[in-house]
Amino acid sequence: MSQRLILFTKYPTPGKAKTRMIPALGEAGAAALQEAMTRHLMETLVGAFELEVRFAAAGGEGVAEMEALFGAGVYVPQGEGDLGERLERAVREAFAWGAGGVGGVVVIGADCPQITEAYVEAAFAGLADHDVVIGPARDGGYTLIGLRAEQPGVFAGIDWGSERVFGQTMEAAAGDGLRVKVLGELDDVDRPEDLGVWEAVKAGRRRG
């Protein structure tokens, strides 16, 4: 049974990446943070899973630029639409390419450096007897969502970027009669006050 892990990220264009970090880090520093967190998750997960990187690029960068920056891999542009439309497209295409059944599809975001191999393994394991697995973020969003079949309803009508994302997604899943497994809560790194999370992850890697 196939599994597919999808990482959502942005090409680190200064002034366009991690914009809420610019007041603290400057445009170049915020872009460097985007690059570093993307690289961290790729290095953490690429050997353990079939990893696909879905990227957005404000400067028009494509697959060649992603390969030049991050090395060989499977890179796919996110395409147009809001976050829900882009997530739904990524999941739909993953199932069309052969993922499904117990294996399923798991999507994570580069904003959460606390995601580990064990956390993703728990998500795939949860799909054995649940329709949806979700990893909540402390800010009210989510850091991971896993599906064992296409469920476009969980991406519709969500106030993306708000503290209501997790709750609205849970309501949508319940309305569709889906069985949901909730993983442990993690932290996104979106704002200057979140930088301590990233520093702790880096410190843990150095100790490891």
N, C-alpha and C. Protein backbone atom coordinates (compact mmCIF):
# COMPACT_ATOMS: atom_id res chain seq x y z
N MET A 1 0.85 -1.18 0.00
CA MET A 1 0.00 0.00 0.00
C MET A 1 0.90 1.24 0.00
N SER A 2 0.66 2.15 -0.92
CA SER A 2 1.56 3.29 -1.04
C SER A 2 1.20 4.39 -0.04
N GLN A 3 2.21 5.17 0.28
CA GLN A 3 2.05 6.33 1.14
C GLN A 3 2.70 7.52 0.44
N ARG A 4 2.15 8.68 0.66
CA ARG A 4 2.79 9.88 0.11
C ARG A 4 2.77 10.98 1.16
N LEU A 5 3.95 11.54 1.40
CA LEU A 5 4.11 12.66 2.31
C LEU A 5 4.38 13.91 1.47
N ILE A 6 3.59 14.94 1.70
CA ILE A 6 3.70 16.19 0.94
C ILE A 6 4.09 17.31 1.89
N LEU A 7 5.14 18.03 1.54
CA LEU A 7 5.59 19.19 2.30
C LEU A 7 5.21 20.46 1.56
N PHE A 8 4.41 21.31 2.20
CA PHE A 8 4.05 22.61 1.65
C PHE A 8 5.05 23.65 2.12
N THR A 9 5.60 24.41 1.17
CA THR A 9 6.56 25.44 1.52
C THR A 9 6.52 26.55 0.47
N LYS A 10 7.36 27.56 0.68
CA LYS A 10 7.53 28.65 -0.27
C LYS A 10 8.99 28.73 -0.69
N TYR A 11 9.21 29.15 -1.94
CA TYR A 11 10.57 29.47 -2.33
C TYR A 11 10.98 30.71 -1.53
N PRO A 12 12.19 30.71 -0.95
CA PRO A 12 12.58 31.78 -0.03
C PRO A 12 12.99 33.08 -0.74
N THR A 13 12.03 33.74 -1.32
CA THR A 13 12.28 35.02 -1.98
C THR A 13 12.26 36.15 -0.94
N PRO A 14 13.34 36.90 -0.77
CA PRO A 14 13.32 38.00 0.21
C PRO A 14 12.17 38.97 -0.05
N GLY A 15 11.47 39.31 1.01
CA GLY A 15 10.34 40.21 0.91
C GLY A 15 9.02 39.51 0.65
N LYS A 16 9.09 38.21 0.29
CA LYS A 16 7.88 37.45 -0.03
C LYS A 16 7.70 36.23 0.87
N ALA A 17 8.76 35.82 1.55
CA ALA A 17 8.71 34.62 2.39
C ALA A 17 8.76 35.03 3.86
N LYS A 18 7.96 34.35 4.70
CA LYS A 18 7.91 34.61 6.14
C LYS A 18 7.77 36.10 6.42
N THR A 19 6.79 36.73 5.78
CA THR A 19 6.66 38.18 5.84
C THR A 19 6.39 38.69 7.26
N ARG A 20 5.72 37.89 8.10
CA ARG A 20 5.46 38.34 9.46
C ARG A 20 6.73 38.35 10.32
N MET A 21 7.81 37.75 9.80
CA MET A 21 9.09 37.77 10.50
C MET A 21 9.96 38.96 10.08
N ILE A 22 9.58 39.68 9.05
CA ILE A 22 10.43 40.74 8.52
C ILE A 22 10.72 41.83 9.55
N PRO A 23 9.75 42.24 10.39
CA PRO A 23 10.09 43.27 11.38
C PRO A 23 11.23 42.86 12.31
N ALA A 24 11.36 41.58 12.59
CA ALA A 24 12.40 41.10 13.50
C ALA A 24 13.69 40.71 12.78
N LEU A 25 13.55 40.15 11.57
CA LEU A 25 14.70 39.55 10.90
C LEU A 25 15.14 40.28 9.64
N GLY A 26 14.30 41.19 9.14
CA GLY A 26 14.58 41.79 7.85
C GLY A 26 14.16 40.85 6.73
N GLU A 27 14.10 41.36 5.52
CA GLU A 27 13.63 40.55 4.39
C GLU A 27 14.55 39.36 4.12
N ALA A 28 15.85 39.60 4.12
CA ALA A 28 16.80 38.51 3.86
C ALA A 28 16.77 37.48 4.98
N GLY A 29 16.70 37.95 6.22
CA GLY A 29 16.68 37.03 7.34
C GLY A 29 15.43 36.19 7.37
N ALA A 30 14.28 36.78 7.04
CA ALA A 30 13.03 36.03 7.01
C ALA A 30 13.08 34.97 5.91
N ALA A 31 13.64 35.33 4.75
CA ALA A 31 13.77 34.35 3.67
C ALA A 31 14.73 33.23 4.06
N ALA A 32 15.81 33.58 4.76
CA ALA A 32 16.76 32.56 5.21
C ALA A 32 16.09 31.60 6.19
N LEU A 33 15.20 32.12 7.03
CA LEU A 33 14.46 31.25 7.95
C LEU A 33 13.57 30.28 7.19
N GLN A 34 12.88 30.77 6.16
CA GLN A 34 12.04 29.90 5.33
C GLN A 34 12.89 28.78 4.72
N GLU A 35 14.04 29.14 4.19
CA GLU A 35 14.93 28.14 3.59
C GLU A 35 15.40 27.14 4.63
N ALA A 36 15.81 27.63 5.80
CA ALA A 36 16.37 26.75 6.82
C ALA A 36 15.32 25.77 7.35
N MET A 37 14.10 26.23 7.58
CA MET A 37 13.07 25.33 8.10
C MET A 37 12.64 24.31 7.05
N THR A 38 12.59 24.73 5.79
CA THR A 38 12.30 23.78 4.72
C THR A 38 13.38 22.71 4.64
N ARG A 39 14.63 23.15 4.66
CA ARG A 39 15.76 22.21 4.58
C ARG A 39 15.76 21.25 5.78
N HIS A 40 15.45 21.79 6.96
CA HIS A 40 15.40 20.95 8.17
C HIS A 40 14.41 19.81 8.01
N LEU A 41 13.20 20.12 7.56
CA LEU A 41 12.18 19.06 7.43
C LEU A 41 12.54 18.09 6.31
N MET A 42 13.09 18.59 5.23
CA MET A 42 13.50 17.68 4.16
C MET A 42 14.58 16.71 4.65
N GLU A 43 15.56 17.23 5.36
CA GLU A 43 16.63 16.36 5.87
C GLU A 43 16.11 15.39 6.92
N THR A 44 15.10 15.81 7.69
CA THR A 44 14.53 14.96 8.72
C THR A 44 13.72 13.81 8.13
N LEU A 45 13.05 14.04 7.01
CA LEU A 45 12.02 13.12 6.54
C LEU A 45 12.30 12.43 5.21
N VAL A 46 13.21 12.95 4.41
CA VAL A 46 13.33 12.46 3.04
C VAL A 46 13.77 11.00 2.98
N GLY A 47 14.55 10.55 3.91
CA GLY A 47 15.00 9.16 3.85
C GLY A 47 13.98 8.15 4.32
N ALA A 48 12.98 8.63 5.05
CA ALA A 48 12.02 7.71 5.66
C ALA A 48 10.71 7.59 4.89
N PHE A 49 10.41 8.57 4.04
CA PHE A 49 9.12 8.60 3.36
C PHE A 49 9.29 8.99 1.90
N GLU A 50 8.28 8.67 1.11
CA GLU A 50 8.20 9.16 -0.26
C GLU A 50 7.75 10.62 -0.17
N LEU A 51 8.69 11.54 -0.29
CA LEU A 51 8.43 12.95 -0.02
C LEU A 51 8.28 13.75 -1.31
N GLU A 52 7.20 14.50 -1.36
CA GLU A 52 6.95 15.44 -2.46
C GLU A 52 6.91 16.84 -1.87
N VAL A 53 7.60 17.78 -2.48
CA VAL A 53 7.62 19.16 -2.01
C VAL A 53 6.76 20.01 -2.94
N ARG A 54 5.70 20.55 -2.38
CA ARG A 54 4.81 21.46 -3.13
C ARG A 54 5.18 22.88 -2.73
N PHE A 55 5.59 23.68 -3.71
CA PHE A 55 6.12 25.00 -3.38
C PHE A 55 5.35 26.11 -4.09
N ALA A 56 5.29 27.24 -3.41
CA ALA A 56 4.80 28.48 -4.00
C ALA A 56 6.00 29.39 -4.23
N ALA A 57 5.95 30.17 -5.30
CA ALA A 57 7.09 31.01 -5.65
C ALA A 57 6.60 32.36 -6.13
N ALA A 58 6.76 33.37 -5.29
CA ALA A 58 6.28 34.71 -5.63
C ALA A 58 7.09 35.34 -6.76
N GLY A 59 8.34 34.89 -6.92
CA GLY A 59 9.19 35.46 -7.95
C GLY A 59 9.21 34.67 -9.25
N GLY A 60 8.35 33.69 -9.37
CA GLY A 60 8.28 32.91 -10.59
C GLY A 60 9.28 31.77 -10.65
N GLU A 61 9.95 31.47 -9.54
CA GLU A 61 10.92 30.38 -9.54
C GLU A 61 10.20 29.05 -9.78
N GLY A 62 10.90 28.12 -10.41
CA GLY A 62 10.31 26.84 -10.75
C GLY A 62 11.09 25.67 -10.16
N VAL A 63 10.87 24.51 -10.74
CA VAL A 63 11.49 23.29 -10.25
C VAL A 63 13.01 23.39 -10.30
N ALA A 64 13.55 23.96 -11.36
CA ALA A 64 15.01 24.05 -11.49
C ALA A 64 15.62 24.85 -10.35
N GLU A 65 14.96 25.94 -9.95
CA GLU A 65 15.47 26.75 -8.86
C GLU A 65 15.37 26.02 -7.52
N MET A 66 14.29 25.26 -7.33
CA MET A 66 14.17 24.47 -6.10
C MET A 66 15.26 23.40 -6.05
N GLU A 67 15.53 22.75 -7.15
CA GLU A 67 16.58 21.73 -7.18
C GLU A 67 17.95 22.35 -6.93
N ALA A 68 18.19 23.54 -7.49
CA ALA A 68 19.47 24.19 -7.29
C ALA A 68 19.68 24.55 -5.82
N LEU A 69 18.59 24.89 -5.13
CA LEU A 69 18.70 25.32 -3.75
C LEU A 69 18.70 24.16 -2.76
N PHE A 70 17.82 23.18 -2.99
CA PHE A 70 17.62 22.11 -2.01
C PHE A 70 18.11 20.74 -2.47
N GLY A 71 18.57 20.62 -3.69
CA GLY A 71 19.04 19.34 -4.17
C GLY A 71 17.95 18.55 -4.87
N ALA A 72 18.32 17.37 -5.33
CA ALA A 72 17.38 16.53 -6.08
C ALA A 72 16.19 16.16 -5.22
N GLY A 73 15.04 16.07 -5.84
CA GLY A 73 13.83 15.70 -5.12
C GLY A 73 12.64 15.78 -6.05
N VAL A 74 11.46 15.58 -5.49
CA VAL A 74 10.21 15.69 -6.24
C VAL A 74 9.59 17.03 -5.88
N TYR A 75 9.60 17.96 -6.83
CA TYR A 75 9.09 19.31 -6.60
C TYR A 75 7.92 19.58 -7.53
N VAL A 76 6.84 20.12 -6.98
CA VAL A 76 5.64 20.40 -7.76
C VAL A 76 5.13 21.78 -7.35
N PRO A 77 4.89 22.68 -8.30
CA PRO A 77 4.31 23.97 -7.94
C PRO A 77 2.92 23.78 -7.32
N GLN A 78 2.61 24.61 -6.31
CA GLN A 78 1.30 24.50 -5.66
C GLN A 78 0.16 24.92 -6.58
N GLY A 79 0.41 25.82 -7.51
CA GLY A 79 -0.64 26.29 -8.39
C GLY A 79 -1.46 27.40 -7.78
N GLU A 80 -2.55 27.75 -8.45
CA GLU A 80 -3.36 28.89 -8.05
C GLU A 80 -4.37 28.51 -6.97
N GLY A 81 -4.98 29.55 -6.39
CA GLY A 81 -6.05 29.34 -5.43
C GLY A 81 -5.64 29.62 -4.01
N ASP A 82 -6.63 29.63 -3.11
CA ASP A 82 -6.32 29.81 -1.70
C ASP A 82 -5.71 28.53 -1.14
N LEU A 83 -5.33 28.57 0.12
CA LEU A 83 -4.65 27.41 0.69
C LEU A 83 -5.50 26.15 0.61
N GLY A 84 -6.80 26.28 0.86
CA GLY A 84 -7.67 25.11 0.78
C GLY A 84 -7.70 24.50 -0.60
N GLU A 85 -7.76 25.34 -1.62
CA GLU A 85 -7.77 24.84 -2.99
C GLU A 85 -6.45 24.17 -3.33
N ARG A 86 -5.36 24.72 -2.86
CA ARG A 86 -4.05 24.14 -3.15
C ARG A 86 -3.85 22.82 -2.40
N LEU A 87 -4.33 22.75 -1.16
CA LEU A 87 -4.27 21.49 -0.41
C LEU A 87 -5.13 20.43 -1.07
N GLU A 88 -6.34 20.79 -1.43
CA GLU A 88 -7.24 19.82 -2.07
C GLU A 88 -6.64 19.30 -3.36
N ARG A 89 -6.02 20.18 -4.14
CA ARG A 89 -5.40 19.76 -5.41
C ARG A 89 -4.24 18.79 -5.15
N ALA A 90 -3.41 19.12 -4.16
CA ALA A 90 -2.27 18.25 -3.87
C ALA A 90 -2.73 16.86 -3.46
N VAL A 91 -3.75 16.78 -2.62
CA VAL A 91 -4.26 15.49 -2.17
C VAL A 91 -4.90 14.73 -3.32
N ARG A 92 -5.71 15.43 -4.10
CA ARG A 92 -6.39 14.77 -5.23
C ARG A 92 -5.37 14.20 -6.20
N GLU A 93 -4.33 14.97 -6.51
CA GLU A 93 -3.33 14.49 -7.47
C GLU A 93 -2.52 13.35 -6.88
N ALA A 94 -2.26 13.38 -5.58
CA ALA A 94 -1.53 12.28 -4.96
C ALA A 94 -2.31 10.98 -5.08
N PHE A 95 -3.61 11.02 -4.84
CA PHE A 95 -4.41 9.80 -4.98
C PHE A 95 -4.48 9.37 -6.44
N ALA A 96 -4.53 10.33 -7.35
CA ALA A 96 -4.56 9.99 -8.77
C ALA A 96 -3.27 9.32 -9.21
N TRP A 97 -2.16 9.65 -8.51
CA TRP A 97 -0.87 9.06 -8.85
C TRP A 97 -0.61 7.75 -8.12
N GLY A 98 -1.57 7.29 -7.34
CA GLY A 98 -1.44 5.94 -6.79
C GLY A 98 -1.47 5.79 -5.30
N ALA A 99 -1.46 6.89 -4.53
CA ALA A 99 -1.56 6.74 -3.08
C ALA A 99 -3.00 6.39 -2.73
N GLY A 100 -3.19 5.74 -1.59
CA GLY A 100 -4.56 5.44 -1.20
C GLY A 100 -4.63 4.27 -0.25
N GLY A 101 -5.84 3.88 0.08
CA GLY A 101 -6.03 2.80 1.01
C GLY A 101 -5.47 3.16 2.37
N VAL A 102 -4.94 2.18 3.07
CA VAL A 102 -4.41 2.40 4.41
C VAL A 102 -3.21 3.33 4.37
N GLY A 103 -2.44 3.30 3.29
CA GLY A 103 -1.25 4.15 3.21
C GLY A 103 -1.59 5.62 3.27
N GLY A 104 -2.39 6.09 2.34
CA GLY A 104 -2.91 7.43 2.36
C GLY A 104 -1.92 8.53 2.06
N VAL A 105 -2.38 9.74 2.27
CA VAL A 105 -1.63 10.96 2.00
C VAL A 105 -1.55 11.78 3.27
N VAL A 106 -0.37 12.28 3.59
CA VAL A 106 -0.17 13.18 4.72
C VAL A 106 0.48 14.44 4.19
N VAL A 107 -0.08 15.60 4.59
CA VAL A 107 0.47 16.90 4.19
C VAL A 107 0.94 17.63 5.44
N ILE A 108 2.14 18.18 5.36
CA ILE A 108 2.70 18.98 6.46
C ILE A 108 3.14 20.33 5.90
N GLY A 109 3.36 21.28 6.81
CA GLY A 109 3.85 22.59 6.41
C GLY A 109 5.23 22.86 6.94
N ALA A 110 6.01 23.63 6.17
CA ALA A 110 7.37 23.95 6.58
C ALA A 110 7.41 24.89 7.77
N ASP A 111 6.26 25.43 8.18
CA ASP A 111 6.23 26.34 9.32
C ASP A 111 6.37 25.62 10.65
N CYS A 112 6.35 24.29 10.65
CA CYS A 112 6.40 23.55 11.92
C CYS A 112 7.65 22.68 11.98
N PRO A 113 8.77 23.21 12.48
CA PRO A 113 10.00 22.43 12.53
C PRO A 113 9.98 21.35 13.60
N GLN A 114 8.97 21.33 14.48
CA GLN A 114 8.89 20.29 15.51
C GLN A 114 8.42 18.94 14.95
N ILE A 115 7.95 18.90 13.71
CA ILE A 115 7.50 17.65 13.13
C ILE A 115 8.70 16.70 13.01
N THR A 116 8.49 15.47 13.44
CA THR A 116 9.55 14.45 13.42
C THR A 116 9.10 13.24 12.59
N GLU A 117 10.05 12.36 12.35
CA GLU A 117 9.72 11.12 11.66
C GLU A 117 8.66 10.34 12.43
N ALA A 118 8.79 10.29 13.75
CA ALA A 118 7.83 9.55 14.57
C ALA A 118 6.43 10.17 14.49
N TYR A 119 6.37 11.49 14.43
CA TYR A 119 5.08 12.18 14.34
C TYR A 119 4.38 11.83 13.03
N VAL A 120 5.12 11.82 11.94
CA VAL A 120 4.54 11.46 10.64
C VAL A 120 4.16 9.98 10.62
N GLU A 121 5.00 9.14 11.19
CA GLU A 121 4.67 7.71 11.27
C GLU A 121 3.36 7.50 12.03
N ALA A 122 3.16 8.27 13.11
CA ALA A 122 1.91 8.16 13.88
C ALA A 122 0.72 8.58 13.04
N ALA A 123 0.92 9.57 12.17
CA ALA A 123 -0.17 10.00 11.29
C ALA A 123 -0.55 8.90 10.31
N PHE A 124 0.44 8.30 9.66
CA PHE A 124 0.13 7.22 8.73
C PHE A 124 -0.50 6.03 9.46
N ALA A 125 -0.01 5.73 10.65
CA ALA A 125 -0.59 4.63 11.42
C ALA A 125 -2.05 4.92 11.75
N GLY A 126 -2.35 6.18 12.06
CA GLY A 126 -3.72 6.55 12.39
C GLY A 126 -4.68 6.36 11.24
N LEU A 127 -4.17 6.42 10.02
CA LEU A 127 -5.04 6.24 8.85
C LEU A 127 -5.47 4.80 8.67
N ALA A 128 -4.91 3.88 9.44
CA ALA A 128 -5.35 2.48 9.35
C ALA A 128 -6.81 2.32 9.78
N ASP A 129 -7.24 3.17 10.73
CA ASP A 129 -8.62 3.01 11.21
C ASP A 129 -9.33 4.36 11.40
N HIS A 130 -8.81 5.40 10.75
CA HIS A 130 -9.48 6.70 10.74
C HIS A 130 -9.47 7.25 9.32
N ASP A 131 -10.45 8.09 9.03
CA ASP A 131 -10.52 8.71 7.71
C ASP A 131 -9.60 9.92 7.60
N VAL A 132 -9.42 10.61 8.72
CA VAL A 132 -8.62 11.83 8.77
C VAL A 132 -7.74 11.79 10.01
N VAL A 133 -6.49 12.23 9.86
CA VAL A 133 -5.60 12.45 10.99
C VAL A 133 -5.19 13.91 10.93
N ILE A 134 -5.23 14.58 12.06
CA ILE A 134 -4.89 16.00 12.07
C ILE A 134 -3.98 16.31 13.26
N GLY A 135 -2.96 17.12 13.00
CA GLY A 135 -2.05 17.56 14.05
C GLY A 135 -2.29 19.02 14.35
N PRO A 136 -2.91 19.34 15.47
CA PRO A 136 -3.25 20.72 15.77
C PRO A 136 -2.02 21.57 16.10
N ALA A 137 -2.11 22.84 15.75
CA ALA A 137 -1.09 23.82 16.13
C ALA A 137 -1.60 24.63 17.31
N ARG A 138 -0.69 25.08 18.13
CA ARG A 138 -1.08 25.82 19.32
C ARG A 138 -1.77 27.15 18.99
N ASP A 139 -1.59 27.65 17.77
CA ASP A 139 -2.20 28.92 17.39
C ASP A 139 -3.61 28.77 16.81
N GLY A 140 -4.14 27.55 16.84
CA GLY A 140 -5.49 27.33 16.34
C GLY A 140 -5.57 26.78 14.93
N GLY A 141 -4.44 26.63 14.28
CA GLY A 141 -4.41 26.02 12.96
C GLY A 141 -4.06 24.55 13.07
N TYR A 142 -3.47 24.00 12.02
CA TYR A 142 -2.94 22.64 12.12
C TYR A 142 -1.63 22.54 11.36
N THR A 143 -0.79 21.61 11.82
CA THR A 143 0.54 21.43 11.25
C THR A 143 0.60 20.24 10.31
N LEU A 144 -0.40 19.38 10.38
CA LEU A 144 -0.42 18.14 9.60
C LEU A 144 -1.86 17.73 9.37
N ILE A 145 -2.14 17.25 8.16
CA ILE A 145 -3.43 16.61 7.91
C ILE A 145 -3.18 15.38 7.04
N GLY A 146 -3.81 14.27 7.41
CA GLY A 146 -3.67 13.03 6.67
C GLY A 146 -5.04 12.51 6.27
N LEU A 147 -5.12 11.92 5.07
CA LEU A 147 -6.36 11.40 4.53
C LEU A 147 -6.11 10.05 3.90
N ARG A 148 -7.06 9.12 4.02
CA ARG A 148 -6.89 7.86 3.31
C ARG A 148 -7.79 7.77 2.09
N ALA A 149 -8.53 8.84 1.80
CA ALA A 149 -9.29 8.97 0.56
C ALA A 149 -9.52 10.46 0.36
N GLU A 150 -9.87 10.85 -0.85
CA GLU A 150 -10.16 12.26 -1.10
C GLU A 150 -11.34 12.71 -0.24
N GLN A 151 -11.16 13.83 0.43
CA GLN A 151 -12.22 14.41 1.27
C GLN A 151 -12.19 15.93 1.07
N PRO A 152 -12.65 16.42 -0.08
CA PRO A 152 -12.54 17.87 -0.35
C PRO A 152 -13.28 18.73 0.65
N GLY A 153 -14.28 18.17 1.34
CA GLY A 153 -15.04 18.95 2.30
C GLY A 153 -14.23 19.49 3.44
N VAL A 154 -13.12 18.83 3.80
CA VAL A 154 -12.33 19.31 4.95
C VAL A 154 -11.50 20.54 4.59
N PHE A 155 -11.45 20.89 3.31
CA PHE A 155 -10.69 22.06 2.88
C PHE A 155 -11.59 23.22 2.45
N ALA A 156 -12.89 23.04 2.53
CA ALA A 156 -13.83 24.04 2.03
C ALA A 156 -14.38 24.89 3.17
N GLY A 157 -14.52 26.18 2.92
CA GLY A 157 -15.13 27.07 3.90
C GLY A 157 -14.30 27.32 5.14
N ILE A 158 -12.99 27.20 5.03
CA ILE A 158 -12.09 27.39 6.18
C ILE A 158 -11.52 28.81 6.15
N ASP A 159 -11.47 29.45 7.29
CA ASP A 159 -10.87 30.78 7.39
C ASP A 159 -9.36 30.64 7.56
N TRP A 160 -8.67 30.39 6.46
CA TRP A 160 -7.24 30.12 6.47
C TRP A 160 -6.48 31.28 7.09
N GLY A 161 -5.49 30.96 7.91
CA GLY A 161 -4.68 31.96 8.57
C GLY A 161 -5.25 32.46 9.88
N SER A 162 -6.40 31.94 10.26
CA SER A 162 -7.03 32.38 11.50
C SER A 162 -6.87 31.31 12.57
N GLU A 163 -7.27 31.66 13.80
CA GLU A 163 -7.24 30.71 14.90
C GLU A 163 -8.40 29.73 14.85
N ARG A 164 -9.24 29.84 13.83
CA ARG A 164 -10.42 28.96 13.70
C ARG A 164 -10.18 27.75 12.80
N VAL A 165 -9.01 27.66 12.21
CA VAL A 165 -8.78 26.62 11.19
C VAL A 165 -8.98 25.21 11.74
N PHE A 166 -8.37 24.91 12.86
CA PHE A 166 -8.50 23.55 13.41
C PHE A 166 -9.95 23.25 13.75
N GLY A 167 -10.60 24.15 14.46
CA GLY A 167 -11.99 23.91 14.86
C GLY A 167 -12.92 23.76 13.67
N GLN A 168 -12.75 24.61 12.66
CA GLN A 168 -13.60 24.52 11.48
C GLN A 168 -13.36 23.23 10.72
N THR A 169 -12.11 22.78 10.67
CA THR A 169 -11.80 21.53 9.98
C THR A 169 -12.42 20.35 10.72
N MET A 170 -12.36 20.36 12.03
CA MET A 170 -12.99 19.31 12.81
C MET A 170 -14.51 19.30 12.60
N GLU A 171 -15.12 20.47 12.54
CA GLU A 171 -16.56 20.55 12.29
C GLU A 171 -16.90 20.02 10.90
N ALA A 172 -16.08 20.35 9.91
CA ALA A 172 -16.32 19.87 8.55
C ALA A 172 -16.22 18.35 8.49
N ALA A 173 -15.22 17.80 9.16
CA ALA A 173 -15.05 16.34 9.17
C ALA A 173 -16.23 15.67 9.86
N ALA A 174 -16.67 16.24 10.98
CA ALA A 174 -17.82 15.67 11.69
C ALA A 174 -19.07 15.75 10.83
N GLY A 175 -19.25 16.85 10.12
CA GLY A 175 -20.41 16.99 9.25
C GLY A 175 -20.44 15.98 8.13
N ASP A 176 -19.27 15.53 7.70
CA ASP A 176 -19.18 14.51 6.65
C ASP A 176 -19.15 13.10 7.22
N GLY A 177 -19.28 12.98 8.53
CA GLY A 177 -19.29 11.66 9.16
C GLY A 177 -17.95 10.96 9.16
N LEU A 178 -16.86 11.71 9.18
CA LEU A 178 -15.53 11.12 9.09
C LEU A 178 -14.98 10.82 10.48
N ARG A 179 -14.23 9.73 10.57
CA ARG A 179 -13.54 9.38 11.81
C ARG A 179 -12.20 10.10 11.84
N VAL A 180 -11.96 10.86 12.91
CA VAL A 180 -10.78 11.72 12.99
C VAL A 180 -9.91 11.32 14.17
N LYS A 181 -8.61 11.20 13.91
CA LYS A 181 -7.62 11.01 14.97
C LYS A 181 -6.84 12.31 15.12
N VAL A 182 -6.74 12.79 16.36
CA VAL A 182 -6.01 14.03 16.65
C VAL A 182 -4.67 13.69 17.30
N LEU A 183 -3.60 14.18 16.71
CA LEU A 183 -2.26 13.96 17.24
C LEU A 183 -1.95 15.03 18.29
N GLY A 184 -0.75 14.96 18.85
CA GLY A 184 -0.33 15.94 19.84
C GLY A 184 -0.14 17.32 19.23
N GLU A 185 -0.34 18.33 20.04
CA GLU A 185 -0.27 19.71 19.59
C GLU A 185 1.19 20.15 19.44
N LEU A 186 1.47 20.88 18.35
CA LEU A 186 2.81 21.40 18.09
C LEU A 186 2.73 22.91 17.87
N ASP A 187 3.90 23.52 17.70
CA ASP A 187 3.98 24.97 17.49
C ASP A 187 4.38 25.29 16.05
N ASP A 188 3.67 26.22 15.44
CA ASP A 188 4.13 26.83 14.20
C ASP A 188 5.11 27.94 14.52
N VAL A 189 5.97 28.25 13.55
CA VAL A 189 6.90 29.37 13.68
C VAL A 189 6.49 30.40 12.63
N ASP A 190 5.64 31.33 13.03
CA ASP A 190 5.07 32.31 12.11
C ASP A 190 5.45 33.75 12.45
N ARG A 191 5.62 34.01 13.74
CA ARG A 191 5.80 35.39 14.22
C ARG A 191 7.09 35.48 15.05
N PRO A 192 7.60 36.71 15.24
CA PRO A 192 8.85 36.85 16.01
C PRO A 192 8.81 36.17 17.36
N GLU A 193 7.67 36.18 18.03
CA GLU A 193 7.61 35.54 19.34
C GLU A 193 7.73 34.01 19.27
N ASP A 194 7.65 33.45 18.06
CA ASP A 194 7.78 32.00 17.88
C ASP A 194 9.22 31.56 17.64
N LEU A 195 10.14 32.49 17.50
CA LEU A 195 11.50 32.13 17.11
C LEU A 195 12.18 31.23 18.13
N GLY A 196 11.76 31.29 19.39
CA GLY A 196 12.33 30.40 20.39
C GLY A 196 12.08 28.93 20.08
N VAL A 197 10.96 28.65 19.42
CA VAL A 197 10.66 27.27 19.02
C VAL A 197 11.73 26.77 18.04
N TRP A 198 12.04 27.59 17.05
CA TRP A 198 13.05 27.22 16.06
C TRP A 198 14.43 27.08 16.70
N GLU A 199 14.76 28.00 17.62
CA GLU A 199 16.05 27.91 18.30
C GLU A 199 16.16 26.62 19.10
N ALA A 200 15.06 26.20 19.73
CA ALA A 200 15.07 24.96 20.50
C ALA A 200 15.25 23.75 19.59
N VAL A 201 14.61 23.77 18.43
CA VAL A 201 14.77 22.66 17.48
C VAL A 201 16.22 22.58 17.02
N LYS A 202 16.80 23.72 16.69
CA LYS A 202 18.21 23.72 16.24
C LYS A 202 19.14 23.23 17.35
N ALA A 203 18.87 23.65 18.58
CA ALA A 203 19.70 23.20 19.70
C ALA A 203 19.60 21.70 19.88
N GLY A 204 18.40 21.15 19.71
CA GLY A 204 18.22 19.72 19.81
C GLY A 204 18.97 18.97 18.74
N ARG A 205 19.02 19.52 17.55
CA ARG A 205 19.77 18.88 16.47
C ARG A 205 21.27 18.88 16.76
N ARG A 206 21.75 20.01 17.31
CA ARG A 206 23.19 20.06 17.63
C ARG A 206 23.54 19.04 18.71
N ARG A 207 22.65 18.88 19.69
CA ARG A 207 22.92 17.90 20.74
C ARG A 207 22.85 16.49 20.20
N GLY A 208 21.95 16.27 19.21
CA GLY A 208 21.80 14.95 18.64
C GLY A 208 22.99 14.55 17.80
